[in-house]
Amino acid sequence: MSTTAVPTGIYEPDIYIDEPPHALFERLRREQPVFWQDMPHEPGYWAVLKHADVVHVAKHSEIFSANEAGVVLENLGPEQLEGMRNMLLAMDPPRHTGFRRPLAPSFKVRVIGQMEDRIRTICREIFARAAEMGDVEFVHDVTSSLPSQVIGELMGLPREDWAAIHRMAEMNTSSQDADINPEGDNYTSGDGSMQMVMYGMAWAARRRSEPPREDLSTLLLDGEFNGRQMTDLEFGSFFVQLVTAGNDTTKTMLAGGLLALLQHPEQMAELRADRSLIDGAVEEILRWANPLHYFRRTALVDTVLRGVPIAAGDKVAMYYTSANRDEEVFADPHRFDIRRSPNPHLSFGIATHFCLGVHLARLEGRVFFEELLAAFPTVELIGDPKRVRSNLNNALKVLPVRLSR
């Protein structure tokens, strides 16, 4: 285990409140890139901080399992763990393959591209409302609306439920923040997740009693996964991942992206002058302000990573926030650069668990910023941004902005 001194644990949510501890991660990448971190009240874990090592862990699910103990640092209770195991992000092959393959055609770039006009219309409606307000809290007044509506329409969910579903999604990724989850301070409480599972199960039961529609809910309920249809419980757990990823991580990307551009006004000006740079800007936003700090794996066998012995049963955390600024991969990694190319960030994961919704996220990001820049010649920060207290979710919870036409 490492003897490198760390002033406070990198598992500790408080060290992420002001900004991610990039200087600390940089030092650890140099001194102890596979770093042992103790945790109070339960076993510690190996923090994997280098880009190549994160890729290695992600590519070897036969060694590093998502299914064994889930994907968060905190050990879950049996009921929560079983629920998580019914999500794609916590399935190992071959079960993962059996669930992902029937869905993949619906998320291909050509299919998702057909949604561009609808996403653009939604963005214009959002910005028309925002223009009437002028001063907005950008996270919840603006960015929340786009992914809530897109995933709501994709799944065929009732419009009157979208706000509540978004709230549950936010609870899933930000339950360590007392402003969001007054009842608890870690992911083992599972309040948002369990509420969403119950909603998903009720939704499945309702939709099974209705004629099929052309939406993602019908695809999930009528499709065969590993040779059979999903149970309502499996649908409920699957629903949690799809809706949380579709809602909260997209909101996080959009809000974090605007803040990055406001902090780098010369690059905002470049985007205004040349909209063809927006695709690259979205990729740099994803690298610079990746929505999730890490995902966990559990070692199934004794192994060695970068000369460090890892025992079967050990927790292993892939730190995207560190890997995305690895000096061996990214030149001047702490510089925000919308022209960065190549940009092999790991914010969508890699290998088996590469994000199923990658094309939708990129499309939403591009269209959102195109329409934002078209709608508002001036965008100003008018207060202090506030970040979510979380060791998992790299997100803003408050972003006061003035939008001027």
Protein backbone atom coordinates (compact mmCIF):
# COMPACT_ATOMS: atom_id res chain seq x y z
CA MET A 1 0.00 0.00 0.00
CA SER A 2 1.10 3.55 -0.71
CA THR A 3 2.97 5.73 1.70
CA THR A 4 2.25 8.85 -0.32
CA ALA A 5 0.80 11.48 2.00
CA VAL A 6 -2.67 12.69 1.08
CA PRO A 7 -4.07 15.54 3.20
CA THR A 8 -7.57 14.08 3.07
CA GLY A 9 -9.08 11.04 1.44
CA ILE A 10 -9.89 11.29 -2.26
CA TYR A 11 -13.13 9.46 -1.41
CA GLU A 12 -14.16 12.46 0.73
CA PRO A 13 -16.96 14.46 -0.99
CA ASP A 14 -15.89 17.74 0.63
CA ILE A 15 -12.68 17.98 -1.39
CA TYR A 16 -14.72 18.22 -4.60
CA ILE A 17 -16.89 21.17 -3.53
CA ASP A 18 -14.67 24.00 -4.78
CA GLU A 19 -13.33 22.09 -7.79
CA PRO A 20 -11.92 18.63 -8.46
CA PRO A 21 -8.51 18.17 -6.76
CA HIS A 22 -6.55 18.26 -10.02
CA ALA A 23 -3.24 19.21 -8.40
CA LEU A 24 -3.54 16.28 -6.02
CA PHE A 25 -4.40 13.88 -8.83
CA GLU A 26 -1.44 15.19 -10.82
CA ARG A 27 0.93 14.48 -7.93
CA LEU A 28 -0.52 11.03 -7.38
CA ARG A 29 -0.21 10.18 -11.09
CA ARG A 30 3.47 11.02 -10.78
CA GLU A 31 4.20 9.40 -7.41
CA GLN A 32 1.66 6.59 -6.96
CA PRO A 33 -0.60 6.17 -10.01
CA VAL A 34 -2.23 3.06 -8.52
CA PHE A 35 -2.94 4.45 -5.08
CA TRP A 36 -4.40 2.74 -2.02
CA GLN A 37 -7.10 4.83 -0.34
CA ASP A 38 -8.47 3.84 3.07
CA MET A 39 -12.14 4.49 3.81
CA PRO A 40 -13.87 4.78 7.17
CA HIS A 41 -16.20 1.98 8.26
CA GLU A 42 -15.52 -0.27 5.26
CA PRO A 43 -12.68 -1.60 3.07
CA GLY A 44 -10.58 0.87 1.14
CA TYR A 45 -9.85 0.75 -2.57
CA TRP A 46 -7.23 1.10 -5.28
CA ALA A 47 -7.52 4.43 -7.14
CA VAL A 48 -6.42 4.01 -10.78
CA LEU A 49 -5.31 7.42 -12.03
CA LYS A 50 -3.48 7.01 -15.35
CA HIS A 51 -5.28 6.95 -18.70
CA ALA A 52 -3.67 3.70 -19.87
CA ASP A 53 -4.46 1.95 -16.61
CA VAL A 54 -8.11 3.05 -16.64
CA VAL A 55 -8.35 1.68 -20.19
CA HIS A 56 -6.75 -1.60 -19.04
CA VAL A 57 -9.22 -2.04 -16.18
CA ALA A 58 -12.17 -1.20 -18.42
CA LYS A 59 -11.10 -3.67 -21.11
CA HIS A 60 -10.60 -6.64 -18.78
CA SER A 61 -13.98 -7.43 -17.26
CA GLU A 62 -12.79 -11.00 -16.68
CA ILE A 63 -10.40 -9.53 -14.08
CA PHE A 64 -12.20 -6.37 -12.96
CA SER A 65 -15.95 -6.93 -12.50
CA ALA A 66 -18.73 -4.35 -12.50
CA ASN A 67 -21.27 -7.00 -11.50
CA GLU A 68 -19.50 -8.41 -8.43
CA ALA A 69 -20.12 -5.46 -6.11
CA GLY A 70 -21.49 -2.62 -8.23
CA VAL A 71 -19.92 0.59 -9.51
CA VAL A 72 -19.83 2.95 -6.49
CA LEU A 73 -17.14 3.04 -3.82
CA GLU A 74 -19.49 2.34 -0.96
CA ASN A 75 -20.49 -1.29 -0.49
CA LEU A 76 -24.22 -1.65 -1.11
CA GLY A 77 -26.75 -3.71 0.79
CA PRO A 78 -28.04 -6.90 -0.87
CA GLU A 79 -31.25 -5.34 -2.21
CA GLN A 80 -29.51 -2.29 -3.65
CA LEU A 81 -26.75 -4.40 -5.16
CA GLU A 82 -29.24 -6.71 -6.84
CA GLY A 83 -31.00 -3.68 -8.31
CA MET A 84 -27.75 -2.25 -9.62
CA ARG A 85 -26.84 -5.56 -11.21
CA ASN A 86 -29.87 -5.18 -13.49
CA MET A 87 -28.37 -2.00 -14.98
CA LEU A 88 -26.12 -2.19 -18.05
CA LEU A 89 -23.36 -0.27 -16.27
CA ALA A 90 -23.06 -3.07 -13.68
CA MET A 91 -23.38 -6.09 -15.97
CA ASP A 92 -20.39 -8.13 -17.09
CA PRO A 93 -20.24 -10.08 -20.36
CA PRO A 94 -21.89 -12.19 -21.58
CA ARG A 95 -25.02 -10.92 -19.81
CA HIS A 96 -24.11 -7.33 -20.68
CA THR A 97 -23.86 -8.25 -24.36
CA GLY A 98 -27.24 -9.96 -24.29
CA PHE A 99 -28.93 -6.84 -22.92
CA ARG A 100 -27.02 -4.28 -24.98
CA ARG A 101 -27.21 -5.88 -28.43
CA PRO A 102 -31.02 -5.54 -28.91
CA LEU A 103 -30.84 -1.86 -27.93
CA ALA A 104 -27.81 -0.82 -29.96
CA PRO A 105 -29.64 -0.26 -33.30
CA SER A 106 -31.87 2.37 -31.66
CA PHE A 107 -28.83 4.35 -30.55
CA LYS A 108 -26.82 4.31 -33.78
CA VAL A 109 -25.64 7.68 -35.06
CA ARG A 110 -27.95 7.55 -38.10
CA VAL A 111 -31.02 6.84 -35.95
CA ILE A 112 -30.16 9.44 -33.32
CA GLY A 113 -29.44 11.98 -36.06
CA GLN A 114 -33.11 11.86 -37.02
CA MET A 115 -33.86 13.51 -33.67
CA GLU A 116 -31.92 16.68 -34.45
CA ASP A 117 -34.89 18.78 -35.59
CA ARG A 118 -36.89 17.83 -32.50
CA ILE A 119 -33.98 18.58 -30.17
CA ARG A 120 -33.46 21.94 -31.89
CA THR A 121 -37.13 22.81 -31.44
CA ILE A 122 -36.96 21.91 -27.74
CA CYS A 123 -33.84 24.07 -27.30
CA ARG A 124 -35.51 27.05 -28.97
CA GLU A 125 -38.54 26.69 -26.71
CA ILE A 126 -36.28 26.52 -23.64
CA PHE A 127 -34.33 29.61 -24.66
CA ALA A 128 -37.50 31.54 -25.48
CA ARG A 129 -38.65 30.97 -21.89
CA ALA A 130 -35.20 31.83 -20.56
CA ALA A 131 -35.16 35.09 -22.54
CA GLU A 132 -38.31 36.22 -20.75
CA MET A 133 -36.58 35.59 -17.41
CA GLY A 134 -33.25 37.23 -18.30
CA ASP A 135 -31.50 36.25 -15.10
CA VAL A 136 -31.61 32.49 -14.63
CA GLU A 137 -30.20 29.74 -12.46
CA PHE A 138 -28.85 27.97 -15.51
CA VAL A 139 -28.62 24.44 -14.08
CA HIS A 140 -32.29 24.03 -13.23
CA ASP A 141 -33.99 26.82 -15.19
CA VAL A 142 -32.33 25.87 -18.47
CA THR A 143 -30.20 22.73 -18.76
CA SER A 144 -32.56 20.39 -16.89
CA SER A 145 -35.35 20.94 -19.39
CA LEU A 146 -33.64 19.54 -22.48
CA PRO A 147 -32.65 16.05 -21.31
CA SER A 148 -35.87 15.66 -19.30
CA GLN A 149 -37.94 16.29 -22.40
CA VAL A 150 -35.77 14.23 -24.75
CA ILE A 151 -35.68 11.13 -22.54
CA GLY A 152 -39.35 11.64 -21.65
CA GLU A 153 -40.30 11.58 -25.33
CA LEU A 154 -37.95 8.69 -26.13
CA MET A 155 -39.48 6.56 -23.39
CA GLY A 156 -43.04 7.81 -23.97
CA LEU A 157 -43.29 9.01 -20.36
CA PRO A 158 -46.17 11.28 -19.27
CA ARG A 159 -45.16 14.94 -19.45
CA GLU A 160 -46.58 15.59 -15.99
CA ASP A 161 -44.05 13.12 -14.55
CA TRP A 162 -40.91 14.55 -16.16
CA ALA A 163 -40.00 16.95 -13.34
CA ALA A 164 -40.37 14.28 -10.65
CA ILE A 165 -38.33 11.80 -12.70
CA HIS A 166 -35.58 14.36 -13.14
CA ARG A 167 -35.56 14.95 -9.40
CA MET A 168 -35.12 11.22 -8.78
CA ALA A 169 -32.29 11.11 -11.33
CA GLU A 170 -30.53 13.97 -9.55
CA MET A 171 -30.87 12.11 -6.26
CA ASN A 172 -29.22 9.04 -7.78
CA THR A 173 -25.98 10.83 -8.61
CA SER A 174 -25.90 13.58 -5.97
CA SER A 175 -27.22 11.99 -2.79
CA GLN A 176 -24.13 13.04 -0.79
CA ASP A 177 -25.22 16.68 -1.00
CA ALA A 178 -27.52 17.77 1.82
CA ASP A 179 -29.20 20.38 -0.39
CA ILE A 180 -30.30 17.60 -2.74
CA ASN A 181 -30.70 14.74 -0.27
CA PRO A 182 -31.37 16.01 3.29
CA GLU A 183 -31.98 12.46 4.48
CA GLY A 184 -28.53 10.98 3.91
CA ASP A 185 -24.91 11.55 2.94
CA ASN A 186 -23.93 8.61 0.74
CA TYR A 187 -25.07 6.33 -2.07
CA THR A 188 -26.05 3.49 0.23
CA SER A 189 -29.31 5.23 1.17
CA GLY A 190 -30.58 4.63 -2.37
CA ASP A 191 -33.70 6.77 -1.96
CA GLY A 192 -33.75 8.20 -5.48
CA SER A 193 -32.84 4.88 -7.05
CA MET A 194 -35.51 2.91 -5.21
CA GLN A 195 -38.16 5.51 -6.01
CA MET A 196 -37.22 5.32 -9.67
CA VAL A 197 -37.21 1.51 -9.66
CA MET A 198 -40.72 1.55 -8.23
CA TYR A 199 -41.83 4.11 -10.81
CA GLY A 200 -40.26 2.03 -13.59
CA MET A 201 -41.99 -1.14 -12.43
CA ALA A 202 -45.35 0.63 -12.31
CA TRP A 203 -44.68 2.09 -15.75
CA ALA A 204 -43.86 -1.37 -17.11
CA ALA A 205 -47.07 -2.82 -15.70
CA ARG A 206 -49.08 0.04 -17.19
CA ARG A 207 -47.49 -0.23 -20.62
CA ARG A 208 -47.94 -4.01 -20.78
CA SER A 209 -51.69 -3.40 -20.49
CA GLU A 210 -51.71 -0.85 -23.33
CA PRO A 211 -51.21 -1.19 -27.10
CA PRO A 212 -47.54 -0.98 -28.19
CA ARG A 213 -46.16 2.39 -29.26
CA GLU A 214 -43.09 3.32 -31.24
CA ASP A 215 -40.87 4.28 -28.32
CA LEU A 216 -38.08 2.94 -26.18
CA SER A 217 -40.42 1.57 -23.51
CA THR A 218 -42.03 -0.76 -26.06
CA LEU A 219 -38.61 -1.82 -27.34
CA LEU A 220 -37.53 -2.74 -23.82
CA LEU A 221 -40.75 -4.50 -22.82
CA ASP A 222 -41.31 -6.43 -26.06
CA GLY A 223 -37.69 -7.25 -26.82
CA GLU A 224 -35.81 -10.41 -25.93
CA PHE A 225 -32.74 -10.08 -23.74
CA ASN A 226 -30.62 -13.19 -23.33
CA GLY A 227 -33.48 -15.22 -24.77
CA ARG A 228 -36.39 -13.84 -22.73
CA GLN A 229 -38.35 -10.70 -21.98
CA MET A 230 -37.49 -8.47 -19.04
CA THR A 231 -39.39 -8.87 -15.80
CA ASP A 232 -40.94 -5.71 -14.35
CA LEU A 233 -38.17 -5.63 -11.74
CA GLU A 234 -35.47 -5.87 -14.39
CA PHE A 235 -37.19 -3.13 -16.37
CA GLY A 236 -37.33 -0.95 -13.26
CA SER A 237 -33.59 -1.25 -12.67
CA PHE A 238 -32.82 -0.77 -16.35
CA PHE A 239 -35.08 2.27 -16.35
CA VAL A 240 -33.00 3.83 -13.56
CA GLN A 241 -29.82 3.78 -15.63
CA LEU A 242 -31.36 4.95 -18.90
CA VAL A 243 -33.25 7.81 -17.31
CA THR A 244 -30.46 8.89 -14.95
CA ALA A 245 -27.91 8.93 -17.76
CA GLY A 246 -30.37 10.66 -20.07
CA ASN A 247 -31.26 13.29 -17.49
CA ASP A 248 -28.59 14.09 -14.95
CA THR A 249 -25.31 13.47 -16.76
CA THR A 250 -26.51 15.47 -19.79
CA LYS A 251 -27.57 18.35 -17.55
CA THR A 252 -24.13 18.19 -15.93
CA MET A 253 -22.36 18.33 -19.30
CA LEU A 254 -24.36 21.35 -20.49
CA ALA A 255 -23.99 23.39 -17.30
CA GLY A 256 -20.31 22.53 -16.87
CA GLY A 257 -19.73 23.39 -20.51
CA LEU A 258 -21.23 26.84 -20.21
CA LEU A 259 -19.16 27.59 -17.11
CA ALA A 260 -15.98 26.49 -18.92
CA LEU A 261 -16.79 28.83 -21.81
CA LEU A 262 -17.59 31.72 -19.46
CA GLN A 263 -14.23 31.14 -17.76
CA HIS A 264 -12.52 31.20 -21.17
CA PRO A 265 -14.23 34.10 -22.99
CA GLU A 266 -11.72 34.09 -25.83
CA GLN A 267 -12.86 30.58 -26.73
CA MET A 268 -16.51 31.54 -26.40
CA ALA A 269 -15.74 34.28 -28.94
CA GLU A 270 -14.13 31.71 -31.24
CA LEU A 271 -17.27 29.59 -31.12
CA ARG A 272 -19.43 32.60 -31.95
CA ALA A 273 -17.22 33.36 -34.94
CA ASP A 274 -17.02 29.77 -36.18
CA ARG A 275 -19.83 27.38 -35.23
CA SER A 276 -17.98 24.48 -36.90
CA LEU A 277 -15.82 24.40 -33.75
CA ILE A 278 -18.76 23.34 -31.57
CA ASP A 279 -18.31 19.59 -32.07
CA GLY A 280 -14.72 19.87 -30.83
CA ALA A 281 -15.84 22.15 -28.00
CA VAL A 282 -18.32 19.52 -26.80
CA GLU A 283 -15.54 16.91 -26.69
CA GLU A 284 -13.29 19.26 -24.74
CA ILE A 285 -16.12 20.05 -22.33
CA LEU A 286 -16.52 16.32 -21.76
CA ARG A 287 -12.79 15.96 -21.07
CA TRP A 288 -12.46 19.10 -18.96
CA ALA A 289 -15.68 18.74 -16.95
CA ASN A 290 -16.44 15.01 -17.18
CA PRO A 291 -19.83 14.32 -15.58
CA LEU A 292 -18.65 11.43 -13.36
CA HIS A 293 -15.41 11.29 -11.38
CA TYR A 294 -15.09 7.51 -11.33
CA PHE A 295 -16.68 4.09 -11.63
CA ARG A 296 -15.73 1.13 -9.47
CA ARG A 297 -14.77 -2.42 -10.33
CA THR A 298 -13.97 -5.40 -8.07
CA ALA A 299 -11.00 -7.67 -8.73
CA LEU A 300 -12.11 -11.24 -9.37
CA VAL A 301 -8.60 -12.71 -9.19
CA ASP A 302 -5.21 -11.70 -7.88
CA THR A 303 -3.56 -9.44 -10.45
CA VAL A 304 -0.89 -6.78 -10.89
CA LEU A 305 -1.38 -3.26 -12.25
CA ARG A 306 1.61 -1.01 -12.93
CA GLY A 307 3.69 -3.23 -10.62
CA VAL A 308 1.15 -3.02 -7.79
CA PRO A 309 -0.34 -6.33 -6.55
CA ILE A 310 -4.14 -6.26 -6.32
CA ALA A 311 -5.88 -9.06 -4.44
CA ALA A 312 -9.08 -10.82 -5.46
CA GLY A 313 -11.97 -8.98 -3.80
CA ASP A 314 -10.24 -5.58 -3.74
CA LYS A 315 -12.16 -2.52 -4.85
CA VAL A 316 -10.68 -0.72 -7.87
CA ALA A 317 -11.82 2.77 -8.94
CA MET A 318 -11.23 4.12 -12.45
CA TYR A 319 -10.78 7.89 -12.01
CA TYR A 320 -11.88 9.59 -15.23
CA THR A 321 -11.24 13.01 -13.72
CA SER A 322 -7.56 12.10 -13.39
CA ALA A 323 -7.19 10.07 -16.60
CA ASN A 324 -8.67 12.91 -18.66
CA ARG A 325 -5.73 15.11 -17.60
CA ASP A 326 -2.96 12.55 -17.92
CA GLU A 327 0.15 14.35 -19.15
CA GLU A 328 1.24 11.33 -21.17
CA VAL A 329 -1.91 11.56 -23.30
CA PHE A 330 -2.96 15.23 -23.33
CA ALA A 331 -0.59 18.09 -24.11
CA ASP A 332 -0.98 20.93 -21.60
CA PRO A 333 -3.78 18.92 -19.93
CA HIS A 334 -5.00 21.66 -17.58
CA ARG A 335 -5.68 24.00 -20.50
CA PHE A 336 -9.24 24.19 -21.78
CA ASP A 337 -8.85 24.07 -25.56
CA ILE A 338 -11.85 23.74 -27.90
CA ARG A 339 -9.43 22.99 -30.77
CA ARG A 340 -7.79 20.06 -28.98
CA SER A 341 -7.17 17.17 -31.35
CA PRO A 342 -6.91 14.30 -30.86
CA ASN A 343 -8.99 14.17 -27.71
CA PRO A 344 -9.23 10.57 -26.44
CA HIS A 345 -11.06 11.44 -23.21
CA LEU A 346 -12.69 8.66 -21.21
CA SER A 347 -15.87 10.44 -20.16
CA PHE A 348 -18.01 7.97 -22.10
CA GLY A 349 -16.01 5.03 -20.79
CA ILE A 350 -14.39 2.56 -23.16
CA ALA A 351 -14.69 -1.05 -24.30
CA THR A 352 -17.67 -3.11 -23.08
CA HIS A 353 -19.27 -0.29 -21.12
CA PHE A 354 -18.75 2.48 -23.67
CA CYS A 355 -21.79 4.72 -23.26
CA LEU A 356 -24.81 3.46 -25.21
CA GLY A 357 -26.15 7.03 -25.49
CA VAL A 358 -22.94 8.63 -26.77
CA HIS A 359 -24.46 9.85 -30.05
CA LEU A 360 -27.49 11.32 -28.29
CA ALA A 361 -25.30 13.14 -25.73
CA ARG A 362 -23.09 14.59 -28.46
CA LEU A 363 -26.09 15.67 -30.51
CA GLU A 364 -27.76 17.33 -27.53
CA GLY A 365 -24.51 19.11 -26.67
CA ARG A 366 -23.92 20.41 -30.20
CA VAL A 367 -27.48 21.60 -30.80
CA PHE A 368 -27.77 23.13 -27.32
CA PHE A 369 -24.69 25.30 -27.73
CA GLU A 370 -25.54 26.22 -31.32
CA GLU A 371 -28.94 27.49 -30.21
CA LEU A 372 -27.62 29.15 -27.05
CA LEU A 373 -25.09 31.20 -29.01
CA ALA A 374 -27.69 32.05 -31.66
CA ALA A 375 -30.27 33.16 -29.10
CA PHE A 376 -28.08 35.24 -26.79
CA PRO A 377 -25.34 37.60 -28.01
CA THR A 378 -24.33 38.10 -24.39
CA VAL A 379 -24.12 35.49 -21.63
CA GLU A 380 -22.75 36.69 -18.28
CA LEU A 381 -21.99 35.06 -14.96
CA ILE A 382 -23.77 37.11 -12.28
CA GLY A 383 -22.99 35.14 -9.13
CA ASP A 384 -20.84 32.42 -7.68
CA PRO A 385 -21.34 28.94 -9.12
CA LYS A 386 -21.88 26.19 -6.56
CA ARG A 387 -20.84 22.61 -7.05
CA VAL A 388 -22.52 19.42 -5.87
CA ARG A 389 -20.93 17.83 -2.81
CA SER A 390 -20.12 14.44 -4.27
CA ASN A 391 -17.21 12.09 -4.80
CA LEU A 392 -19.06 10.64 -7.83
CA ASN A 393 -20.92 13.42 -9.63
CA ASN A 394 -18.75 16.21 -11.09
CA ALA A 395 -21.61 18.66 -11.31
CA LEU A 396 -22.82 22.17 -10.66
CA LYS A 397 -25.96 22.74 -8.63
CA VAL A 398 -26.11 26.53 -9.02
CA LEU A 399 -24.98 28.65 -11.98
CA PRO A 400 -26.39 32.22 -11.91
CA VAL A 401 -26.36 33.64 -15.44
CA ARG A 402 -27.74 36.67 -17.29
CA LEU A 403 -28.91 35.95 -20.81
CA SER A 404 -29.22 39.07 -23.00
CA ARG A 405 -30.59 39.51 -26.52
